[in-house]
Amino acid sequence: MRTKRRHRFTVSMVAAIAFLTGVFALTPGGHAKENEAAFKARCAECHGPKDILYWGRQRADAAARATWLDQFLRKHYPPSEAERALIIAYIQATIAAPK
């Protein structure tokens, strides 16, 4: 009986820690610097804030813009899939940020 309780407690604690780790890992503040770093490393030499604002004006719908950026980045000095996701997230957040 004690072993079952201890096992349930251990499983519950592991699940709670995993859940909280996932929640904190997905916070926007946690990834914002990583997203910005990816953009700066791959894109900022040629593209700046004016380009980002232009992309936002040309494609006002965020979902359509994300699709366009994904397709564009697959051909334009193609970053890895993970890096592409970071770059798109940075651009989307920059466009959505209050001015």
PDB file of N, CA and C in Angstrom:
ATOM      1  N   MET A   1       0.814  -1.189   0.000  1.00  0.00           N
ATOM      2  CA  MET A   1       0.000   0.000   0.000  1.00  0.00           C
ATOM      3  C   MET A   1       0.860   1.256   0.000  1.00  0.00           C
ATOM      4  N   ARG A   2       1.891   1.277   0.876  1.00  0.00           N
ATOM      5  CA  ARG A   2       2.786   2.439   0.938  1.00  0.00           C
ATOM      6  C   ARG A   2       3.506   2.642  -0.387  1.00  0.00           C
ATOM      7  N   THR A   3       3.909   1.564  -1.018  1.00  0.00           N
ATOM      8  CA  THR A   3       4.637   1.649  -2.274  1.00  0.00           C
ATOM      9  C   THR A   3       3.766   2.287  -3.354  1.00  0.00           C
ATOM     10  N   LYS A   4       2.491   1.915  -3.402  1.00  0.00           N
ATOM     11  CA  LYS A   4       1.581   2.490  -4.391  1.00  0.00           C
ATOM     12  C   LYS A   4       1.418   3.990  -4.162  1.00  0.00           C
ATOM     13  N   ARG A   5       1.266   4.395  -2.891  1.00  0.00           N
ATOM     14  CA  ARG A   5       1.119   5.819  -2.584  1.00  0.00           C
ATOM     15  C   ARG A   5       2.386   6.576  -2.969  1.00  0.00           C
ATOM     16  N   ARG A   6       3.507   6.019  -2.607  1.00  0.00           N
ATOM     17  CA  ARG A   6       4.778   6.671  -2.916  1.00  0.00           C
ATOM     18  C   ARG A   6       4.956   6.783  -4.428  1.00  0.00           C
ATOM     19  N   HIS A   7       4.586   5.723  -5.140  1.00  0.00           N
ATOM     20  CA  HIS A   7       4.683   5.732  -6.601  1.00  0.00           C
ATOM     21  C   HIS A   7       3.765   6.806  -7.196  1.00  0.00           C
ATOM     22  N   ARG A   8       2.513   6.871  -6.705  1.00  0.00           N
ATOM     23  CA  ARG A   8       1.576   7.886  -7.200  1.00  0.00           C
ATOM     24  C   ARG A   8       2.094   9.291  -6.923  1.00  0.00           C
ATOM     25  N   PHE A   9       2.630   9.497  -5.724  1.00  0.00           N
ATOM     26  CA  PHE A   9       3.180  10.806  -5.365  1.00  0.00           C
ATOM     27  C   PHE A   9       4.344  11.154  -6.281  1.00  0.00           C
ATOM     28  N   THR A  10       5.238  10.212  -6.526  1.00  0.00           N
ATOM     29  CA  THR A  10       6.393  10.451  -7.394  1.00  0.00           C
ATOM     30  C   THR A  10       5.947  10.769  -8.815  1.00  0.00           C
ATOM     31  N   VAL A  11       5.019  10.001  -9.328  1.00  0.00           N
ATOM     32  CA  VAL A  11       4.501  10.244 -10.684  1.00  0.00           C
ATOM     33  C   VAL A  11       3.833  11.608 -10.746  1.00  0.00           C
ATOM     34  N   SER A  12       3.054  11.967  -9.736  1.00  0.00           N
ATOM     35  CA  SER A  12       2.387  13.265  -9.709  1.00  0.00           C
ATOM     36  C   SER A  12       3.402  14.399  -9.680  1.00  0.00           C
ATOM     37  N   MET A  13       4.441  14.255  -8.887  1.00  0.00           N
ATOM     38  CA  MET A  13       5.468  15.299  -8.795  1.00  0.00           C
ATOM     39  C   MET A  13       6.217  15.437 -10.120  1.00  0.00           C
ATOM     40  N   VAL A  14       6.562  14.332 -10.734  1.00  0.00           N
ATOM     41  CA  VAL A  14       7.259  14.382 -12.021  1.00  0.00           C
ATOM     42  C   VAL A  14       6.371  15.043 -13.068  1.00  0.00           C
ATOM     43  N   ALA A  15       5.096  14.706 -13.081  1.00  0.00           N
ATOM     44  CA  ALA A  15       4.169  15.303 -14.038  1.00  0.00           C
ATOM     45  C   ALA A  15       4.032  16.804 -13.791  1.00  0.00           C
ATOM     46  N   ALA A  16       3.937  17.215 -12.538  1.00  0.00           N
ATOM     47  CA  ALA A  16       3.810  18.636 -12.218  1.00  0.00           C
ATOM     48  C   ALA A  16       5.060  19.407 -12.634  1.00  0.00           C
ATOM     49  N   ILE A  17       6.222  18.838 -12.379  1.00  0.00           N
ATOM     50  CA  ILE A  17       7.473  19.500 -12.763  1.00  0.00           C
ATOM     51  C   ILE A  17       7.578  19.600 -14.276  1.00  0.00           C
ATOM     52  N   ALA A  18       7.221  18.545 -14.966  1.00  0.00           N
ATOM     53  CA  ALA A  18       7.263  18.576 -16.430  1.00  0.00           C
ATOM     54  C   ALA A  18       6.298  19.619 -16.977  1.00  0.00           C
ATOM     55  N   PHE A  19       5.112  19.697 -16.409  1.00  0.00           N
ATOM     56  CA  PHE A  19       4.130  20.682 -16.857  1.00  0.00           C
ATOM     57  C   PHE A  19       4.645  22.101 -16.632  1.00  0.00           C
ATOM     58  N   LEU A  20       5.143  22.375 -15.431  1.00  0.00           N
ATOM     59  CA  LEU A  20       5.627  23.727 -15.130  1.00  0.00           C
ATOM     60  C   LEU A  20       6.841  24.086 -15.977  1.00  0.00           C
ATOM     61  N   THR A  21       7.708  23.146 -16.225  1.00  0.00           N
ATOM     62  CA  THR A  21       8.867  23.404 -17.076  1.00  0.00           C
ATOM     63  C   THR A  21       8.398  23.768 -18.478  1.00  0.00           C
ATOM     64  N   GLY A  22       7.420  23.051 -18.993  1.00  0.00           N
ATOM     65  CA  GLY A  22       6.883  23.352 -20.312  1.00  0.00           C
ATOM     66  C   GLY A  22       6.224  24.714 -20.365  1.00  0.00           C
ATOM     67  N   VAL A  23       5.482  25.060 -19.330  1.00  0.00           N
ATOM     68  CA  VAL A  23       4.812  26.360 -19.304  1.00  0.00           C
ATOM     69  C   VAL A  23       5.834  27.479 -19.318  1.00  0.00           C
ATOM     70  N   PHE A  24       6.867  27.370 -18.481  1.00  0.00           N
ATOM     71  CA  PHE A  24       7.861  28.433 -18.430  1.00  0.00           C
ATOM     72  C   PHE A  24       8.727  28.459 -19.676  1.00  0.00           C
ATOM     73  N   ALA A  25       8.937  27.341 -20.303  1.00  0.00           N
ATOM     74  CA  ALA A  25       9.749  27.299 -21.520  1.00  0.00           C
ATOM     75  C   ALA A  25       9.026  27.956 -22.688  1.00  0.00           C
ATOM     76  N   LEU A  26       7.703  27.985 -22.648  1.00  0.00           N
ATOM     77  CA  LEU A  26       6.939  28.533 -23.758  1.00  0.00           C
ATOM     78  C   LEU A  26       6.539  29.988 -23.567  1.00  0.00           C
ATOM     79  N   THR A  27       6.977  30.620 -22.500  1.00  0.00           N
ATOM     80  CA  THR A  27       6.602  32.012 -22.296  1.00  0.00           C
ATOM     81  C   THR A  27       7.252  32.883 -23.345  1.00  0.00           C
ATOM     82  N   PRO A  28       6.540  33.906 -23.806  1.00  0.00           N
ATOM     83  CA  PRO A  28       7.086  34.779 -24.839  1.00  0.00           C
ATOM     84  C   PRO A  28       8.414  35.419 -24.441  1.00  0.00           C
ATOM     85  N   GLY A  29       8.558  35.812 -23.197  1.00  0.00           N
ATOM     86  CA  GLY A  29       9.797  36.441 -22.767  1.00  0.00           C
ATOM     87  C   GLY A  29      10.988  35.508 -22.869  1.00  0.00           C
ATOM     88  N   GLY A  30      10.746  34.229 -22.663  1.00  0.00           N
ATOM     89  CA  GLY A  30      11.824  33.259 -22.732  1.00  0.00           C
ATOM     90  C   GLY A  30      12.366  33.072 -24.128  1.00  0.00           C
ATOM     91  N   HIS A  31      11.485  33.170 -25.112  1.00  0.00           N
ATOM     92  CA  HIS A  31      11.901  32.957 -26.492  1.00  0.00           C
ATOM     93  C   HIS A  31      12.193  34.254 -27.237  1.00  0.00           C
ATOM     94  N   ALA A  32      11.772  35.381 -26.703  1.00  0.00           N
ATOM     95  CA  ALA A  32      11.925  36.643 -27.424  1.00  0.00           C
ATOM     96  C   ALA A  32      13.382  36.907 -27.787  1.00  0.00           C
ATOM     97  N   LYS A  33      14.278  36.676 -26.860  1.00  0.00           N
ATOM     98  CA  LYS A  33      15.700  36.922 -27.132  1.00  0.00           C
ATOM     99  C   LYS A  33      16.257  35.933 -28.142  1.00  0.00           C
ATOM    100  N   GLU A  34      15.808  34.699 -28.055  1.00  0.00           N
ATOM    101  CA  GLU A  34      16.251  33.678 -29.000  1.00  0.00           C
ATOM    102  C   GLU A  34      15.739  33.993 -30.408  1.00  0.00           C
ATOM    103  N   ASN A  35      14.484  34.433 -30.491  1.00  0.00           N
ATOM    104  CA  ASN A  35      13.905  34.809 -31.786  1.00  0.00           C
ATOM    105  C   ASN A  35      14.664  35.979 -32.392  1.00  0.00           C
ATOM    106  N   GLU A  36      14.910  36.996 -31.569  1.00  0.00           N
ATOM    107  CA  GLU A  36      15.628  38.176 -32.049  1.00  0.00           C
ATOM    108  C   GLU A  36      17.049  37.819 -32.479  1.00  0.00           C
ATOM    109  N   ALA A  37      17.707  36.971 -31.722  1.00  0.00           N
ATOM    110  CA  ALA A  37      19.068  36.554 -32.064  1.00  0.00           C
ATOM    111  C   ALA A  37      19.100  35.830 -33.411  1.00  0.00           C
ATOM    112  N   ALA A  38      18.113  34.983 -33.657  1.00  0.00           N
ATOM    113  CA  ALA A  38      18.056  34.263 -34.934  1.00  0.00           C
ATOM    114  C   ALA A  38      17.852  35.238 -36.085  1.00  0.00           C
ATOM    115  N   PHE A  39      16.961  36.223 -35.905  1.00  0.00           N
ATOM    116  CA  PHE A  39      16.731  37.217 -36.947  1.00  0.00           C
ATOM    117  C   PHE A  39      18.009  38.022 -37.197  1.00  0.00           C
ATOM    118  N   LYS A  40      18.632  38.473 -36.123  1.00  0.00           N
ATOM    119  CA  LYS A  40      19.849  39.281 -36.273  1.00  0.00           C
ATOM    120  C   LYS A  40      20.965  38.495 -36.960  1.00  0.00           C
ATOM    121  N   ALA A  41      21.089  37.223 -36.619  1.00  0.00           N
ATOM    122  CA  ALA A  41      22.159  36.402 -37.197  1.00  0.00           C
ATOM    123  C   ALA A  41      21.932  36.119 -38.675  1.00  0.00           C
ATOM    124  N   ARG A  42      20.670  35.921 -39.063  1.00  0.00           N
ATOM    125  CA  ARG A  42      20.391  35.497 -40.437  1.00  0.00           C
ATOM    126  C   ARG A  42      19.867  36.593 -41.355  1.00  0.00           C
ATOM    127  N   CYS A  43      19.232  37.634 -40.792  1.00  0.00           N
ATOM    128  CA  CYS A  43      18.469  38.561 -41.637  1.00  0.00           C
ATOM    129  C   CYS A  43      18.852  40.035 -41.482  1.00  0.00           C
ATOM    130  N   ALA A  44      19.273  40.426 -40.302  1.00  0.00           N
ATOM    131  CA  ALA A  44      19.407  41.846 -39.976  1.00  0.00           C
ATOM    132  C   ALA A  44      20.471  42.572 -40.787  1.00  0.00           C
ATOM    133  N   GLU A  45      21.412  41.857 -41.355  1.00  0.00           N
ATOM    134  CA  GLU A  45      22.438  42.522 -42.159  1.00  0.00           C
ATOM    135  C   GLU A  45      21.807  43.218 -43.374  1.00  0.00           C
ATOM    136  N   CYS A  46      20.745  42.635 -43.904  1.00  0.00           N
ATOM    137  CA  CYS A  46      20.085  43.199 -45.097  1.00  0.00           C
ATOM    138  C   CYS A  46      18.701  43.757 -44.812  1.00  0.00           C
ATOM    139  N   HIS A  47      18.024  43.270 -43.771  1.00  0.00           N
ATOM    140  CA  HIS A  47      16.637  43.648 -43.503  1.00  0.00           C
ATOM    141  C   HIS A  47      16.521  44.280 -42.126  1.00  0.00           C
ATOM    142  N   GLY A  48      15.848  45.418 -42.081  1.00  0.00           N
ATOM    143  CA  GLY A  48      15.672  46.131 -40.823  1.00  0.00           C
ATOM    144  C   GLY A  48      14.217  46.376 -40.491  1.00  0.00           C
ATOM    145  N   PRO A  49      13.968  47.269 -39.540  1.00  0.00           N
ATOM    146  CA  PRO A  49      12.599  47.554 -39.096  1.00  0.00           C
ATOM    147  C   PRO A  49      11.678  48.026 -40.220  1.00  0.00           C
ATOM    148  N   LYS A  50      12.200  48.777 -41.164  1.00  0.00           N
ATOM    149  CA  LYS A  50      11.351  49.249 -42.270  1.00  0.00           C
ATOM    150  C   LYS A  50      10.846  48.082 -43.107  1.00  0.00           C
ATOM    151  N   ASP A  51      11.709  47.098 -43.333  1.00  0.00           N
ATOM    152  CA  ASP A  51      11.273  45.911 -44.084  1.00  0.00           C
ATOM    153  C   ASP A  51      10.182  45.167 -43.325  1.00  0.00           C
ATOM    154  N   ILE A  52      10.378  45.002 -42.032  1.00  0.00           N
ATOM    155  CA  ILE A  52       9.396  44.274 -41.223  1.00  0.00           C
ATOM    156  C   ILE A  52       8.048  44.988 -41.264  1.00  0.00           C
ATOM    157  N   LEU A  53       8.053  46.309 -41.119  1.00  0.00           N
ATOM    158  CA  LEU A  53       6.802  47.067 -41.181  1.00  0.00           C
ATOM    159  C   LEU A  53       6.159  46.960 -42.559  1.00  0.00           C
ATOM    160  N   TYR A  54       6.967  46.957 -43.592  1.00  0.00           N
ATOM    161  CA  TYR A  54       6.460  46.797 -44.956  1.00  0.00           C
ATOM    162  C   TYR A  54       5.767  45.442 -45.118  1.00  0.00           C
ATOM    163  N   TRP A  55       6.413  44.392 -44.616  1.00  0.00           N
ATOM    164  CA  TRP A  55       5.811  43.058 -44.703  1.00  0.00           C
ATOM    165  C   TRP A  55       4.474  43.029 -43.970  1.00  0.00           C
ATOM    166  N   GLY A  56       4.412  43.725 -42.840  1.00  0.00           N
ATOM    167  CA  GLY A  56       3.161  43.788 -42.075  1.00  0.00           C
ATOM    168  C   GLY A  56       2.065  44.518 -42.817  1.00  0.00           C
ATOM    169  N   ARG A  57       2.419  45.593 -43.520  1.00  0.00           N
ATOM    170  CA  ARG A  57       1.419  46.340 -44.295  1.00  0.00           C
ATOM    171  C   ARG A  57       0.967  45.549 -45.517  1.00  0.00           C
ATOM    172  N   GLN A  58       1.897  44.844 -46.155  1.00  0.00           N
ATOM    173  CA  GLN A  58       1.558  44.089 -47.363  1.00  0.00           C
ATOM    174  C   GLN A  58       0.725  42.851 -47.060  1.00  0.00           C
ATOM    175  N   ARG A  59       0.914  42.288 -45.892  1.00  0.00           N
ATOM    176  CA  ARG A  59       0.189  41.073 -45.505  1.00  0.00           C
ATOM    177  C   ARG A  59      -0.358  41.278 -44.093  1.00  0.00           C
ATOM    178  N   ALA A  60      -1.510  41.925 -44.019  1.00  0.00           N
ATOM    179  CA  ALA A  60      -2.085  42.289 -42.725  1.00  0.00           C
ATOM    180  C   ALA A  60      -2.549  41.073 -41.926  1.00  0.00           C
ATOM    181  N   ASP A  61      -2.978  40.031 -42.598  1.00  0.00           N
ATOM    182  CA  ASP A  61      -3.441  38.823 -41.916  1.00  0.00           C
ATOM    183  C   ASP A  61      -2.234  38.028 -41.415  1.00  0.00           C
ATOM    184  N   ALA A  62      -2.163  37.828 -40.109  1.00  0.00           N
ATOM    185  CA  ALA A  62      -1.000  37.170 -39.500  1.00  0.00           C
ATOM    186  C   ALA A  62      -0.785  35.752 -40.023  1.00  0.00           C
ATOM    187  N   ALA A  63      -1.862  35.000 -40.219  1.00  0.00           N
ATOM    188  CA  ALA A  63      -1.721  33.619 -40.703  1.00  0.00           C
ATOM    189  C   ALA A  63      -1.199  33.602 -42.139  1.00  0.00           C
ATOM    190  N   ALA A  64      -1.733  34.481 -42.978  1.00  0.00           N
ATOM    191  CA  ALA A  64      -1.253  34.559 -44.367  1.00  0.00           C
ATOM    192  C   ALA A  64       0.202  35.012 -44.406  1.00  0.00           C
ATOM    193  N   ARG A  65       0.537  35.950 -43.537  1.00  0.00           N
ATOM    194  CA  ARG A  65       1.921  36.440 -43.472  1.00  0.00           C
ATOM    195  C   ARG A  65       2.863  35.330 -43.033  1.00  0.00           C
ATOM    196  N   ALA A  66       2.468  34.551 -42.043  1.00  0.00           N
ATOM    197  CA  ALA A  66       3.310  33.446 -41.564  1.00  0.00           C
ATOM    198  C   ALA A  66       3.545  32.434 -42.675  1.00  0.00           C
ATOM    199  N   THR A  67       2.494  32.131 -43.434  1.00  0.00           N
ATOM    200  CA  THR A  67       2.630  31.198 -44.554  1.00  0.00           C
ATOM    201  C   THR A  67       3.582  31.756 -45.601  1.00  0.00           C
ATOM    202  N   TRP A  68       3.403  33.039 -45.939  1.00  0.00           N
ATOM    203  CA  TRP A  68       4.274  33.677 -46.927  1.00  0.00           C
ATOM    204  C   TRP A  68       5.729  33.681 -46.449  1.00  0.00           C
ATOM    205  N   LEU A  69       5.950  34.061 -45.186  1.00  0.00           N
ATOM    206  CA  LEU A  69       7.316  34.088 -44.650  1.00  0.00           C
ATOM    207  C   LEU A  69       7.947  32.701 -44.686  1.00  0.00           C
ATOM    208  N   ASP A  70       7.177  31.687 -44.301  1.00  0.00           N
ATOM    209  CA  ASP A  70       7.698  30.327 -44.318  1.00  0.00           C
ATOM    210  C   ASP A  70       8.122  29.919 -45.729  1.00  0.00           C
ATOM    211  N   GLN A  71       7.272  30.187 -46.709  1.00  0.00           N
ATOM    212  CA  GLN A  71       7.593  29.839 -48.103  1.00  0.00           C
ATOM    213  C   GLN A  71       8.790  30.645 -48.604  1.00  0.00           C
ATOM    214  N   PHE A  72       8.810  31.922 -48.281  1.00  0.00           N
ATOM    215  CA  PHE A  72       9.893  32.794 -48.723  1.00  0.00           C
ATOM    216  C   PHE A  72      11.232  32.357 -48.120  1.00  0.00           C
ATOM    217  N   LEU A  73      11.231  32.094 -46.825  1.00  0.00           N
ATOM    218  CA  LEU A  73      12.482  31.725 -46.156  1.00  0.00           C
ATOM    219  C   LEU A  73      13.009  30.356 -46.588  1.00  0.00           C
ATOM    220  N   ARG A  74      12.162  29.504 -47.092  1.00  0.00           N
ATOM    221  CA  ARG A  74      12.613  28.203 -47.593  1.00  0.00           C
ATOM    222  C   ARG A  74      13.519  28.369 -48.815  1.00  0.00           C
ATOM    223  N   LYS A  75      13.383  29.515 -49.527  1.00  0.00           N
ATOM    224  CA  LYS A  75      14.167  29.750 -50.740  1.00  0.00           C
ATOM    225  C   LYS A  75      15.229  30.833 -50.566  1.00  0.00           C
ATOM    226  N   HIS A  76      15.054  31.725 -49.619  1.00  0.00           N
ATOM    227  CA  HIS A  76      15.900  32.903 -49.458  1.00  0.00           C
ATOM    228  C   HIS A  76      16.947  32.630 -48.374  1.00  0.00           C
ATOM    229  N   TYR A  77      18.140  32.253 -48.779  1.00  0.00           N
ATOM    230  CA  TYR A  77      19.192  31.875 -47.823  1.00  0.00           C
ATOM    231  C   TYR A  77      18.595  30.964 -46.758  1.00  0.00           C
ATOM    232  N   PRO A  78      18.119  29.804 -47.146  1.00  0.00           N
ATOM    233  CA  PRO A  78      17.271  28.985 -46.275  1.00  0.00           C
ATOM    234  C   PRO A  78      17.898  28.612 -44.929  1.00  0.00           C
ATOM    235  N   PRO A  79      17.262  29.066 -43.866  1.00  0.00           N
ATOM    236  CA  PRO A  79      17.680  28.622 -42.538  1.00  0.00           C
ATOM    237  C   PRO A  79      17.085  27.243 -42.248  1.00  0.00           C
ATOM    238  N   SER A  80      17.563  26.631 -41.185  1.00  0.00           N
ATOM    239  CA  SER A  80      16.985  25.348 -40.776  1.00  0.00           C
ATOM    240  C   SER A  80      15.524  25.576 -40.382  1.00  0.00           C
ATOM    241  N   GLU A  81      14.780  24.489 -40.283  1.00  0.00           N
ATOM    242  CA  GLU A  81      13.359  24.591 -39.923  1.00  0.00           C
ATOM    243  C   GLU A  81      13.179  25.260 -38.561  1.00  0.00           C
ATOM    244  N   ALA A  82      14.001  24.879 -37.601  1.00  0.00           N
ATOM    245  CA  ALA A  82      13.899  25.465 -36.258  1.00  0.00           C
ATOM    246  C   ALA A  82      14.235  26.951 -36.286  1.00  0.00           C
ATOM    247  N   GLU A  83      15.280  27.305 -37.007  1.00  0.00           N
ATOM    248  CA  GLU A  83      15.687  28.706 -37.094  1.00  0.00           C
ATOM    249  C   GLU A  83      14.630  29.524 -37.854  1.00  0.00           C
ATOM    250  N   ARG A  84      14.052  28.923 -38.873  1.00  0.00           N
ATOM    251  CA  ARG A  84      13.003  29.586 -39.639  1.00  0.00           C
ATOM    252  C   ARG A  84      11.821  29.914 -38.737  1.00  0.00           C
ATOM    253  N   ALA A  85      11.450  29.006 -37.862  1.00  0.00           N
ATOM    254  CA  ALA A  85      10.342  29.241 -36.929  1.00  0.00           C
ATOM    255  C   ALA A  85      10.658  30.398 -35.985  1.00  0.00           C
ATOM    256  N   LEU A  86      11.902  30.474 -35.512  1.00  0.00           N
ATOM    257  CA  LEU A  86      12.300  31.571 -34.626  1.00  0.00           C
ATOM    258  C   LEU A  86      12.233  32.909 -35.353  1.00  0.00           C
ATOM    259  N   ILE A  87      12.708  32.931 -36.581  1.00  0.00           N
ATOM    260  CA  ILE A  87      12.714  34.168 -37.374  1.00  0.00           C
ATOM    261  C   ILE A  87      11.286  34.630 -37.636  1.00  0.00           C
ATOM    262  N   ILE A  88      10.415  33.715 -38.015  1.00  0.00           N
ATOM    263  CA  ILE A  88       9.020  34.067 -38.276  1.00  0.00           C
ATOM    264  C   ILE A  88       8.360  34.582 -37.001  1.00  0.00           C
ATOM    265  N   ALA A  89       8.632  33.938 -35.875  1.00  0.00           N
ATOM    266  CA  ALA A  89       8.062  34.383 -34.602  1.00  0.00           C
ATOM    267  C   ALA A  89       8.531  35.797 -34.263  1.00  0.00           C
ATOM    268  N   TYR A  90       9.801  36.079 -34.522  1.00  0.00           N
ATOM    269  CA  TYR A  90      10.321  37.429 -34.250  1.00  0.00           C
ATOM    270  C   TYR A  90       9.632  38.461 -35.129  1.00  0.00           C
ATOM    271  N   ILE A  91       9.531  38.184 -36.407  1.00  0.00           N
ATOM    272  CA  ILE A  91       8.890  39.122 -37.330  1.00  0.00           C
ATOM    273  C   ILE A  91       7.430  39.341 -36.945  1.00  0.00           C
ATOM    274  N   GLN A  92       6.711  38.279 -36.652  1.00  0.00           N
ATOM    275  CA  GLN A  92       5.306  38.378 -36.278  1.00  0.00           C
ATOM    276  C   GLN A  92       5.142  39.195 -34.984  1.00  0.00           C
ATOM    277  N   ALA A  93       5.998  38.942 -34.004  1.00  0.00           N
ATOM    278  CA  ALA A  93       5.911  39.676 -32.742  1.00  0.00           C
ATOM    279  C   ALA A  93       6.251  41.147 -32.938  1.00  0.00           C
ATOM    280  N   THR A  94       7.211  41.431 -33.793  1.00  0.00           N
ATOM    281  CA  THR A  94       7.597  42.814 -34.054  1.00  0.00           C
ATOM    282  C   THR A  94       6.458  43.561 -34.739  1.00  0.00           C
ATOM    283  N   ILE A  95       5.789  42.923 -35.664  1.00  0.00           N
ATOM    284  CA  ILE A  95       4.657  43.549 -36.358  1.00  0.00           C
ATOM    285  C   ILE A  95       3.495  43.761 -35.390  1.00  0.00           C
ATOM    286  N   ALA A  96       3.264  42.801 -34.516  1.00  0.00           N
ATOM    287  CA  ALA A  96       2.136  42.870 -33.584  1.00  0.00           C
ATOM    288  C   ALA A  96       2.389  43.797 -32.401  1.00  0.00           C
ATOM    289  N   ALA A  97       3.650  44.133 -32.143  1.00  0.00           N
ATOM    290  CA  ALA A  97       3.994  44.966 -30.980  1.00  0.00           C
ATOM    291  C   ALA A  97       3.382  46.352 -31.120  1.00  0.00           C
ATOM    292  N   PRO A  98       2.858  46.883 -30.023  1.00  0.00           N
ATOM    293  CA  PRO A  98       2.298  48.233 -30.088  1.00  0.00           C
ATOM    294  C   PRO A  98       3.384  49.248 -30.417  1.00  0.00           C
ATOM    295  N   LYS A  99       3.014  50.190 -31.260  1.00  0.00           N
ATOM    296  CA  LYS A  99       3.990  51.202 -31.681  1.00  0.00           C
ATOM    297  C   LYS A  99       3.927  52.434 -30.851  1.00  0.00           C
TER     298      LYS A  99
END
